[in-house]
Amino acid sequence: MLALRPDLVQMDRAVDEPDRSAHCFFAYTVDQESVHGGVGNPSQADEAFGQAILAACIAELSTQLQHAMIEKPR
């Protein structure tokens, strides 16, 4: 959100929370393991990193969609 709408982000309210299921055998949804509704370190977020991740996601999705548009059944 810092990359898209920094005006909506309240960094003073960011709460870091560990991924409690990182070493578990079974997978758990965030609502089963999180106290605050998320995992990670949002207090360390910055706009430049968010922009880099967003650009990488857009580039990868674009590549996949270009392949999908010419894909033929086998």
Protein backbone atom coordinates (compact mmCIF):
# COMPACT_ATOMS: atom_id res chain seq x y z
CA MET A 1 0.00 0.00 0.00
CA LEU A 2 2.93 2.34 0.53
CA ALA A 3 3.66 2.04 -3.20
CA LEU A 4 0.05 2.65 -4.26
CA ARG A 5 -1.64 4.79 -1.62
CA PRO A 6 0.83 5.95 1.03
CA ASP A 7 -1.79 8.41 2.23
CA LEU A 8 -3.85 5.49 3.53
CA VAL A 9 -1.00 3.87 5.49
CA GLN A 10 -0.64 4.52 9.20
CA MET A 11 2.89 3.32 9.94
CA ASP A 12 2.52 4.31 13.59
CA ARG A 13 -0.06 1.50 13.88
CA ALA A 14 2.09 -1.20 12.22
CA VAL A 15 2.50 -4.26 14.43
CA ASP A 16 5.18 -6.87 13.68
CA GLU A 17 4.06 -10.43 14.19
CA PRO A 18 6.05 -13.63 13.63
CA ASP A 19 4.89 -16.39 11.29
CA ARG A 20 4.00 -18.91 13.97
CA SER A 21 3.39 -21.71 11.48
CA ALA A 22 6.70 -21.31 9.62
CA HIS A 23 8.08 -24.57 10.99
CA CYS A 24 4.82 -26.48 11.30
CA PHE A 25 4.01 -29.59 9.31
CA PHE A 26 0.46 -28.46 8.57
CA ALA A 27 -0.54 -25.17 6.95
CA TYR A 28 -2.67 -22.73 8.91
CA THR A 29 -4.60 -19.70 7.74
CA VAL A 30 -3.59 -16.30 9.05
CA ASP A 31 -6.74 -16.01 11.18
CA GLN A 32 -5.70 -19.22 13.01
CA GLU A 33 -2.21 -18.06 13.86
CA SER A 34 -2.26 -14.27 13.98
CA VAL A 35 -3.18 -12.05 16.90
CA HIS A 36 -3.39 -8.84 14.82
CA GLY A 37 -4.56 -10.19 11.45
CA GLY A 38 -1.27 -10.51 9.60
CA VAL A 39 2.25 -11.85 9.77
CA GLY A 40 5.56 -10.26 8.96
CA ASN A 41 7.32 -7.01 9.77
CA PRO A 42 5.24 -4.13 8.45
CA SER A 43 7.20 -1.70 10.61
CA GLN A 44 10.13 -2.22 8.20
CA ALA A 45 8.10 -1.48 5.07
CA ASP A 46 9.14 1.29 2.73
CA GLU A 47 7.68 2.71 -0.46
CA ALA A 48 10.67 1.89 -2.70
CA PHE A 49 10.62 -1.81 -1.80
CA GLY A 50 6.86 -1.91 -2.37
CA GLN A 51 7.31 -0.33 -5.80
CA ALA A 52 9.99 -2.91 -6.67
CA ILE A 53 7.76 -5.82 -5.64
CA LEU A 54 4.80 -4.36 -7.53
CA ALA A 55 6.90 -3.89 -10.68
CA ALA A 56 8.19 -7.48 -10.46
CA CYS A 57 4.65 -8.84 -10.03
CA ILE A 58 3.36 -6.82 -12.98
CA ALA A 59 6.24 -7.96 -15.20
CA GLU A 60 5.76 -11.62 -14.28
CA LEU A 61 1.99 -11.50 -14.70
CA SER A 62 2.40 -9.74 -18.05
CA THR A 63 4.75 -12.48 -19.25
CA GLN A 64 2.36 -15.21 -18.13
CA LEU A 65 -0.61 -13.53 -19.82
CA GLN A 66 1.33 -13.07 -23.06
CA HIS A 67 2.06 -16.81 -23.04
CA ALA A 68 -1.56 -17.60 -22.19
CA MET A 69 -2.83 -15.60 -25.15
CA ILE A 70 -0.95 -17.79 -27.65
CA GLU A 71 -1.27 -21.06 -25.78
CA LYS A 72 -2.66 -24.01 -27.71
CA PRO A 73 -4.08 -27.20 -26.17
CA ARG A 74 -1.75 -30.19 -26.44
